[in-house]
Amino acid sequence: MPIHQSLRSLAGCCLLQGLYSNKMTGTIPTEFGKMTGLVDRFRVYANSLSGKIPTELGQMTELTSELAVQSNQINGTVPTQLG
């Protein structure tokens, strides 16, 4: 199941739960990088996502806990802004 379009417009989001283990397919949308207020964790693990981690996720500089993308078909590196 592709990531639903409505999730692409969560720019003001500061807490996002439950995107893991949902059988989502496709790539991580670059629009997720606009969630600059996300302060705890970003979890999209255990899906069927593919491609690279978008560099736009580097704009999520308020993340304090976790960027979890494991158990997908993700390749590439974590944006340097996130460590």
PDB file of N, CA and C in Angstrom:
ATOM      1  N   MET A   1       0.841  -1.159   0.000  1.00  0.00           N
ATOM      2  CA  MET A   1       0.000   0.000   0.000  1.00  0.00           C
ATOM      3  C   MET A   1       0.901   1.242   0.000  1.00  0.00           C
ATOM      4  N   PRO A   2       0.766   2.123  -0.987  1.00  0.00           N
ATOM      5  CA  PRO A   2       1.566   3.353  -1.012  1.00  0.00           C
ATOM      6  C   PRO A   2       1.229   4.264   0.165  1.00  0.00           C
ATOM      7  N   ILE A   3       2.165   5.130   0.525  1.00  0.00           N
ATOM      8  CA  ILE A   3       1.932   6.106   1.586  1.00  0.00           C
ATOM      9  C   ILE A   3       0.817   7.050   1.128  1.00  0.00           C
ATOM     10  N   HIS A   4      -0.193   7.200   1.945  1.00  0.00           N
ATOM     11  CA  HIS A   4      -1.366   8.006   1.590  1.00  0.00           C
ATOM     12  C   HIS A   4      -1.002   9.475   1.405  1.00  0.00           C
ATOM     13  N   GLN A   5      -1.598  10.097   0.407  1.00  0.00           N
ATOM     14  CA  GLN A   5      -1.339  11.509   0.087  1.00  0.00           C
ATOM     15  C   GLN A   5      -1.535  12.428   1.285  1.00  0.00           C
ATOM     16  N   SER A   6      -2.502  12.148   2.147  1.00  0.00           N
ATOM     17  CA  SER A   6      -2.773  13.040   3.274  1.00  0.00           C
ATOM     18  C   SER A   6      -1.586  13.122   4.233  1.00  0.00           C
ATOM     19  N   LEU A   7      -0.747  12.097   4.284  1.00  0.00           N
ATOM     20  CA  LEU A   7       0.412  12.127   5.168  1.00  0.00           C
ATOM     21  C   LEU A   7       1.503  13.041   4.644  1.00  0.00           C
ATOM     22  N   ARG A   8       1.414  13.427   3.386  1.00  0.00           N
ATOM     23  CA  ARG A   8       2.434  14.281   2.777  1.00  0.00           C
ATOM     24  C   ARG A   8       2.290  15.744   3.179  1.00  0.00           C
ATOM     25  N   SER A   9       1.204  16.089   3.858  1.00  0.00           N
ATOM     26  CA  SER A   9       0.962  17.502   4.185  1.00  0.00           C
ATOM     27  C   SER A   9       0.945  17.746   5.691  1.00  0.00           C
ATOM     28  N   LEU A  10       1.774  17.076   6.421  1.00  0.00           N
ATOM     29  CA  LEU A  10       1.815  17.205   7.875  1.00  0.00           C
ATOM     30  C   LEU A  10       2.935  18.130   8.333  1.00  0.00           C
ATOM     31  N   ALA A  11       3.113  19.235   7.653  1.00  0.00           N
ATOM     32  CA  ALA A  11       4.249  20.129   7.906  1.00  0.00           C
ATOM     33  C   ALA A  11       4.326  20.598   9.353  1.00  0.00           C
ATOM     34  N   GLY A  12       3.225  20.846  10.007  1.00  0.00           N
ATOM     35  CA  GLY A  12       3.247  21.352  11.370  1.00  0.00           C
ATOM     36  C   GLY A  12       3.234  20.277  12.433  1.00  0.00           C
ATOM     37  N   CYS A  13       3.349  19.044  12.029  1.00  0.00           N
ATOM     38  CA  CYS A  13       3.257  17.916  12.953  1.00  0.00           C
ATOM     39  C   CYS A  13       4.425  17.902  13.937  1.00  0.00           C
ATOM     40  N   CYS A  14       4.137  17.630  15.220  1.00  0.00           N
ATOM     41  CA  CYS A  14       5.221  17.506  16.197  1.00  0.00           C
ATOM     42  C   CYS A  14       5.249  16.118  16.828  1.00  0.00           C
ATOM     43  N   LEU A  15       4.236  15.294  16.592  1.00  0.00           N
ATOM     44  CA  LEU A  15       4.205  13.928  17.094  1.00  0.00           C
ATOM     45  C   LEU A  15       3.540  13.055  16.044  1.00  0.00           C
ATOM     46  N   LEU A  16       4.226  11.998  15.647  1.00  0.00           N
ATOM     47  CA  LEU A  16       3.716  11.119  14.600  1.00  0.00           C
ATOM     48  C   LEU A  16       3.938   9.689  15.050  1.00  0.00           C
ATOM     49  N   GLN A  17       2.872   8.953  15.226  1.00  0.00           N
ATOM     50  CA  GLN A  17       2.962   7.583  15.707  1.00  0.00           C
ATOM     51  C   GLN A  17       2.350   6.616  14.693  1.00  0.00           C
ATOM     52  N   GLY A  18       2.802   5.403  14.684  1.00  0.00           N
ATOM     53  CA  GLY A  18       2.132   4.338  13.967  1.00  0.00           C
ATOM     54  C   GLY A  18       2.391   4.203  12.485  1.00  0.00           C
ATOM     55  N   LEU A  19       3.518   4.672  11.974  1.00  0.00           N
ATOM     56  CA  LEU A  19       3.822   4.476  10.556  1.00  0.00           C
ATOM     57  C   LEU A  19       4.690   3.242  10.349  1.00  0.00           C
ATOM     58  N   TYR A  20       4.905   2.469  11.368  1.00  0.00           N
ATOM     59  CA  TYR A  20       5.715   1.270  11.239  1.00  0.00           C
ATOM     60  C   TYR A  20       4.822   0.033  11.138  1.00  0.00           C
ATOM     61  N   SER A  21       5.337  -0.998  10.474  1.00  0.00           N
ATOM     62  CA  SER A  21       4.640  -2.282  10.303  1.00  0.00           C
ATOM     63  C   SER A  21       3.260  -2.118   9.677  1.00  0.00           C
ATOM     64  N   ASN A  22       3.181  -1.297   8.635  1.00  0.00           N
ATOM     65  CA  ASN A  22       1.903  -1.053   7.972  1.00  0.00           C
ATOM     66  C   ASN A  22       1.871  -1.511   6.521  1.00  0.00           C
ATOM     67  N   LYS A  23       2.891  -2.217   6.072  1.00  0.00           N
ATOM     68  CA  LYS A  23       2.961  -2.711   4.698  1.00  0.00           C
ATOM     69  C   LYS A  23       2.961  -1.581   3.673  1.00  0.00           C
ATOM     70  N   MET A  24       3.489  -0.414   4.052  1.00  0.00           N
ATOM     71  CA  MET A  24       3.579   0.708   3.122  1.00  0.00           C
ATOM     72  C   MET A  24       4.648   0.420   2.083  1.00  0.00           C
ATOM     73  N   THR A  25       4.408   0.885   0.855  1.00  0.00           N
ATOM     74  CA  THR A  25       5.350   0.683  -0.239  1.00  0.00           C
ATOM     75  C   THR A  25       5.734   2.030  -0.842  1.00  0.00           C
ATOM     76  N   GLY A  26       6.713   2.002  -1.708  1.00  0.00           N
ATOM     77  CA  GLY A  26       7.165   3.222  -2.369  1.00  0.00           C
ATOM     78  C   GLY A  26       8.347   3.817  -1.642  1.00  0.00           C
ATOM     79  N   THR A  27       8.592   5.077  -1.900  1.00  0.00           N
ATOM     80  CA  THR A  27       9.712   5.770  -1.275  1.00  0.00           C
ATOM     81  C   THR A  27       9.220   6.642  -0.123  1.00  0.00           C
ATOM     82  N   ILE A  28      10.141   7.050   0.732  1.00  0.00           N
ATOM     83  CA  ILE A  28       9.795   8.008   1.792  1.00  0.00           C
ATOM     84  C   ILE A  28       9.604   9.354   1.116  1.00  0.00           C
ATOM     85  N   PRO A  29       8.424   9.964   1.253  1.00  0.00           N
ATOM     86  CA  PRO A  29       8.175  11.240   0.581  1.00  0.00           C
ATOM     87  C   PRO A  29       9.114  12.344   1.066  1.00  0.00           C
ATOM     88  N   THR A  30       9.608  13.139   0.141  1.00  0.00           N
ATOM     89  CA  THR A  30      10.460  14.273   0.509  1.00  0.00           C
ATOM     90  C   THR A  30       9.693  15.263   1.375  1.00  0.00           C
ATOM     91  N   GLU A  31       8.384  15.315   1.218  1.00  0.00           N
ATOM     92  CA  GLU A  31       7.548  16.236   2.009  1.00  0.00           C
ATOM     93  C   GLU A  31       7.652  15.969   3.497  1.00  0.00           C
ATOM     94  N   PHE A  32       8.014  14.745   3.904  1.00  0.00           N
ATOM     95  CA  PHE A  32       8.168  14.457   5.325  1.00  0.00           C
ATOM     96  C   PHE A  32       9.233  15.356   5.951  1.00  0.00           C
ATOM     97  N   GLY A  33      10.168  15.840   5.165  1.00  0.00           N
ATOM     98  CA  GLY A  33      11.183  16.755   5.669  1.00  0.00           C
ATOM     99  C   GLY A  33      10.605  18.071   6.157  1.00  0.00           C
ATOM    100  N   LYS A  34       9.386  18.392   5.742  1.00  0.00           N
ATOM    101  CA  LYS A  34       8.737  19.632   6.183  1.00  0.00           C
ATOM    102  C   LYS A  34       8.193  19.516   7.600  1.00  0.00           C
ATOM    103  N   MET A  35       8.252  18.331   8.182  1.00  0.00           N
ATOM    104  CA  MET A  35       7.783  18.143   9.558  1.00  0.00           C
ATOM    105  C   MET A  35       8.886  18.574  10.519  1.00  0.00           C
ATOM    106  N   THR A  36       9.280  19.827  10.410  1.00  0.00           N
ATOM    107  CA  THR A  36      10.408  20.331  11.188  1.00  0.00           C
ATOM    108  C   THR A  36      10.095  20.432  12.677  1.00  0.00           C
ATOM    109  N   GLY A  37       8.830  20.355  13.053  1.00  0.00           N
ATOM    110  CA  GLY A  37       8.465  20.404  14.465  1.00  0.00           C
ATOM    111  C   GLY A  37       8.432  19.043  15.125  1.00  0.00           C
ATOM    112  N   LEU A  38       8.699  17.982  14.365  1.00  0.00           N
ATOM    113  CA  LEU A  38       8.687  16.632  14.920  1.00  0.00           C
ATOM    114  C   LEU A  38       9.803  16.517  15.953  1.00  0.00           C
ATOM    115  N   VAL A  39       9.437  16.297  17.213  1.00  0.00           N
ATOM    116  CA  VAL A  39      10.419  16.420  18.290  1.00  0.00           C
ATOM    117  C   VAL A  39      10.847  15.117  18.936  1.00  0.00           C
ATOM    118  N   ASP A  40      10.216  14.034  18.670  1.00  0.00           N
ATOM    119  CA  ASP A  40      10.568  12.818  19.386  1.00  0.00           C
ATOM    120  C   ASP A  40      11.171  11.773  18.461  1.00  0.00           C
ATOM    121  N   ARG A  41      10.367  11.107  17.687  1.00  0.00           N
ATOM    122  CA  ARG A  41      10.891  10.039  16.831  1.00  0.00           C
ATOM    123  C   ARG A  41      10.131   9.973  15.515  1.00  0.00           C
ATOM    124  N   PHE A  42      10.823   9.458  14.519  1.00  0.00           N
ATOM    125  CA  PHE A  42      10.249   9.242  13.197  1.00  0.00           C
ATOM    126  C   PHE A  42      10.462   7.775  12.862  1.00  0.00           C
ATOM    127  N   ARG A  43       9.390   7.007  12.893  1.00  0.00           N
ATOM    128  CA  ARG A  43       9.475   5.561  12.715  1.00  0.00           C
ATOM    129  C   ARG A  43       8.692   5.108  11.489  1.00  0.00           C
ATOM    130  N   VAL A  44       9.401   4.578  10.529  1.00  0.00           N
ATOM    131  CA  VAL A  44       8.755   3.983   9.358  1.00  0.00           C
ATOM    132  C   VAL A  44       9.336   2.581   9.110  1.00  0.00           C
ATOM    133  N   TYR A  45       9.821   1.962  10.163  1.00  0.00           N
ATOM    134  CA  TYR A  45      10.458   0.657  10.006  1.00  0.00           C
ATOM    135  C   TYR A  45       9.440  -0.456   9.738  1.00  0.00           C
ATOM    136  N   ALA A  46       9.948  -1.589   9.253  1.00  0.00           N
ATOM    137  CA  ALA A  46       9.154  -2.800   9.015  1.00  0.00           C
ATOM    138  C   ALA A  46       7.997  -2.562   8.045  1.00  0.00           C
ATOM    139  N   ASN A  47       8.298  -1.890   6.958  1.00  0.00           N
ATOM    140  CA  ASN A  47       7.359  -1.725   5.855  1.00  0.00           C
ATOM    141  C   ASN A  47       8.020  -2.320   4.616  1.00  0.00           C
ATOM    142  N   SER A  48       7.619  -1.892   3.464  1.00  0.00           N
ATOM    143  CA  SER A  48       8.268  -2.308   2.210  1.00  0.00           C
ATOM    144  C   SER A  48       8.703  -1.073   1.437  1.00  0.00           C
ATOM    145  N   LEU A  49       9.255  -0.098   2.162  1.00  0.00           N
ATOM    146  CA  LEU A  49       9.716   1.136   1.537  1.00  0.00           C
ATOM    147  C   LEU A  49      11.046   0.893   0.843  1.00  0.00           C
ATOM    148  N   SER A  50      11.293   1.648  -0.214  1.00  0.00           N
ATOM    149  CA  SER A  50      12.522   1.454  -0.985  1.00  0.00           C
ATOM    150  C   SER A  50      13.122   2.808  -1.332  1.00  0.00           C
ATOM    151  N   GLY A  51      14.302   2.761  -1.933  1.00  0.00           N
ATOM    152  CA  GLY A  51      14.966   3.988  -2.360  1.00  0.00           C
ATOM    153  C   GLY A  51      15.878   4.546  -1.282  1.00  0.00           C
ATOM    154  N   LYS A  52      16.253   5.783  -1.484  1.00  0.00           N
ATOM    155  CA  LYS A  52      17.171   6.462  -0.568  1.00  0.00           C
ATOM    156  C   LYS A  52      16.401   7.227   0.506  1.00  0.00           C
ATOM    157  N   ILE A  53      17.090   7.502   1.608  1.00  0.00           N
ATOM    158  CA  ILE A  53      16.542   8.390   2.632  1.00  0.00           C
ATOM    159  C   ILE A  53      16.618   9.795   2.049  1.00  0.00           C
ATOM    160  N   PRO A  54      15.486  10.484   1.897  1.00  0.00           N
ATOM    161  CA  PRO A  54      15.529  11.815   1.293  1.00  0.00           C
ATOM    162  C   PRO A  54      16.392  12.778   2.100  1.00  0.00           C
ATOM    163  N   THR A  55      17.213  13.559   1.411  1.00  0.00           N
ATOM    164  CA  THR A  55      18.028  14.548   2.110  1.00  0.00           C
ATOM    165  C   THR A  55      17.160  15.565   2.831  1.00  0.00           C
ATOM    166  N   GLU A  56      15.939  15.759   2.371  1.00  0.00           N
ATOM    167  CA  GLU A  56      15.008  16.697   3.010  1.00  0.00           C
ATOM    168  C   GLU A  56      14.721  16.319   4.457  1.00  0.00           C
ATOM    169  N   LEU A  57      14.880  15.046   4.827  1.00  0.00           N
ATOM    170  CA  LEU A  57      14.672  14.664   6.227  1.00  0.00           C
ATOM    171  C   LEU A  57      15.684  15.344   7.137  1.00  0.00           C
ATOM    172  N   GLY A  58      16.753  15.849   6.564  1.00  0.00           N
ATOM    173  CA  GLY A  58      17.737  16.600   7.335  1.00  0.00           C
ATOM    174  C   GLY A  58      17.175  17.875   7.929  1.00  0.00           C
ATOM    175  N   GLN A  59      16.019  18.318   7.446  1.00  0.00           N
ATOM    176  CA  GLN A  59      15.368  19.507   8.001  1.00  0.00           C
ATOM    177  C   GLN A  59      14.668  19.198   9.318  1.00  0.00           C
ATOM    178  N   MET A  60      14.553  17.921   9.669  1.00  0.00           N
ATOM    179  CA  MET A  60      13.887  17.506  10.902  1.00  0.00           C
ATOM    180  C   MET A  60      14.885  17.566  12.060  1.00  0.00           C
ATOM    181  N   THR A  61      15.474  18.707  12.263  1.00  0.00           N
ATOM    182  CA  THR A  61      16.575  18.852  13.219  1.00  0.00           C
ATOM    183  C   THR A  61      16.134  18.804  14.680  1.00  0.00           C
ATOM    184  N   GLU A  62      14.844  18.818  14.952  1.00  0.00           N
ATOM    185  CA  GLU A  62      14.358  18.759  16.331  1.00  0.00           C
ATOM    186  C   GLU A  62      14.211  17.326  16.836  1.00  0.00           C
ATOM    187  N   LEU A  63      14.422  16.325  15.967  1.00  0.00           N
ATOM    188  CA  LEU A  63      14.315  14.929  16.408  1.00  0.00           C
ATOM    189  C   LEU A  63      15.294  14.698  17.554  1.00  0.00           C
ATOM    190  N   THR A  64      14.796  14.194  18.660  1.00  0.00           N
ATOM    191  CA  THR A  64      15.654  13.988  19.820  1.00  0.00           C
ATOM    192  C   THR A  64      15.888  12.524  20.139  1.00  0.00           C
ATOM    193  N   SER A  65      15.130  11.639  19.533  1.00  0.00           N
ATOM    194  CA  SER A  65      15.195  10.256  19.956  1.00  0.00           C
ATOM    195  C   SER A  65      15.599   9.288  18.862  1.00  0.00           C
ATOM    196  N   GLU A  66      14.846   9.246  17.760  1.00  0.00           N
ATOM    197  CA  GLU A  66      15.026   8.103  16.875  1.00  0.00           C
ATOM    198  C   GLU A  66      14.580   8.390  15.443  1.00  0.00           C
ATOM    199  N   LEU A  67      15.405   7.960  14.506  1.00  0.00           N
ATOM    200  CA  LEU A  67      15.043   7.888  13.092  1.00  0.00           C
ATOM    201  C   LEU A  67      15.123   6.417  12.741  1.00  0.00           C
ATOM    202  N   ALA A  68      13.974   5.741  12.649  1.00  0.00           N
ATOM    203  CA  ALA A  68      13.948   4.289  12.465  1.00  0.00           C
ATOM    204  C   ALA A  68      13.429   3.940  11.081  1.00  0.00           C
ATOM    205  N   VAL A  69      14.338   3.466  10.229  1.00  0.00           N
ATOM    206  CA  VAL A  69      13.966   3.098   8.863  1.00  0.00           C
ATOM    207  C   VAL A  69      14.351   1.648   8.550  1.00  0.00           C
ATOM    208  N   GLN A  70      14.792   0.899   9.550  1.00  0.00           N
ATOM    209  CA  GLN A  70      15.253  -0.459   9.312  1.00  0.00           C
ATOM    210  C   GLN A  70      14.107  -1.370   8.851  1.00  0.00           C
ATOM    211  N   SER A  71      14.480  -2.540   8.355  1.00  0.00           N
ATOM    212  CA  SER A  71      13.542  -3.559   7.874  1.00  0.00           C
ATOM    213  C   SER A  71      12.697  -3.043   6.707  1.00  0.00           C
ATOM    214  N   ASN A  72      13.326  -2.309   5.826  1.00  0.00           N
ATOM    215  CA  ASN A  72      12.776  -1.865   4.550  1.00  0.00           C
ATOM    216  C   ASN A  72      13.832  -2.184   3.494  1.00  0.00           C
ATOM    217  N   GLN A  73      13.644  -1.694   2.312  1.00  0.00           N
ATOM    218  CA  GLN A  73      14.656  -1.818   1.257  1.00  0.00           C
ATOM    219  C   GLN A  73      15.286  -0.456   0.999  1.00  0.00           C
ATOM    220  N   ILE A  74      15.599   0.248   2.086  1.00  0.00           N
ATOM    221  CA  ILE A  74      16.173   1.586   2.039  1.00  0.00           C
ATOM    222  C   ILE A  74      17.679   1.474   1.824  1.00  0.00           C
ATOM    223  N   ASN A  75      18.223   2.404   1.026  1.00  0.00           N
ATOM    224  CA  ASN A  75      19.667   2.447   0.856  1.00  0.00           C
ATOM    225  C   ASN A  75      20.140   3.889   0.968  1.00  0.00           C
ATOM    226  N   GLY A  76      21.422   4.072   0.967  1.00  0.00           N
ATOM    227  CA  GLY A  76      21.974   5.420   1.106  1.00  0.00           C
ATOM    228  C   GLY A  76      22.341   5.724   2.541  1.00  0.00           C
ATOM    229  N   THR A  77      22.581   6.993   2.802  1.00  0.00           N
ATOM    230  CA  THR A  77      23.050   7.416   4.111  1.00  0.00           C
ATOM    231  C   THR A  77      22.028   8.297   4.814  1.00  0.00           C
ATOM    232  N   VAL A  78      22.193   8.416   6.108  1.00  0.00           N
ATOM    233  CA  VAL A  78      21.358   9.311   6.905  1.00  0.00           C
ATOM    234  C   VAL A  78      21.825  10.736   6.623  1.00  0.00           C
ATOM    235  N   PRO A  79      20.898  11.679   6.412  1.00  0.00           N
ATOM    236  CA  PRO A  79      21.310  13.073   6.192  1.00  0.00           C
ATOM    237  C   PRO A  79      22.243  13.566   7.293  1.00  0.00           C
ATOM    238  N   THR A  80      23.308  14.238   6.912  1.00  0.00           N
ATOM    239  CA  THR A  80      24.317  14.658   7.880  1.00  0.00           C
ATOM    240  C   THR A  80      23.755  15.545   8.991  1.00  0.00           C
ATOM    241  N   GLN A  81      22.701  16.298   8.712  1.00  0.00           N
ATOM    242  CA  GLN A  81      22.108  17.162   9.734  1.00  0.00           C
ATOM    243  C   GLN A  81      21.531  16.360  10.895  1.00  0.00           C
ATOM    244  N   LEU A  82      21.231  15.087  10.640  1.00  0.00           N
ATOM    245  CA  LEU A  82      20.656  14.234  11.700  1.00  0.00           C
ATOM    246  C   LEU A  82      21.699  13.355  12.354  1.00  0.00           C
ATOM    247  N   GLY A  83      22.919  13.454  11.931  1.00  0.00           N
ATOM    248  CA  GLY A  83      23.992  12.697  12.554  1.00  0.00           C
ATOM    249  C   GLY A  83      24.237  11.429  11.832  1.00  0.00           C
TER     250      GLY A  83
END
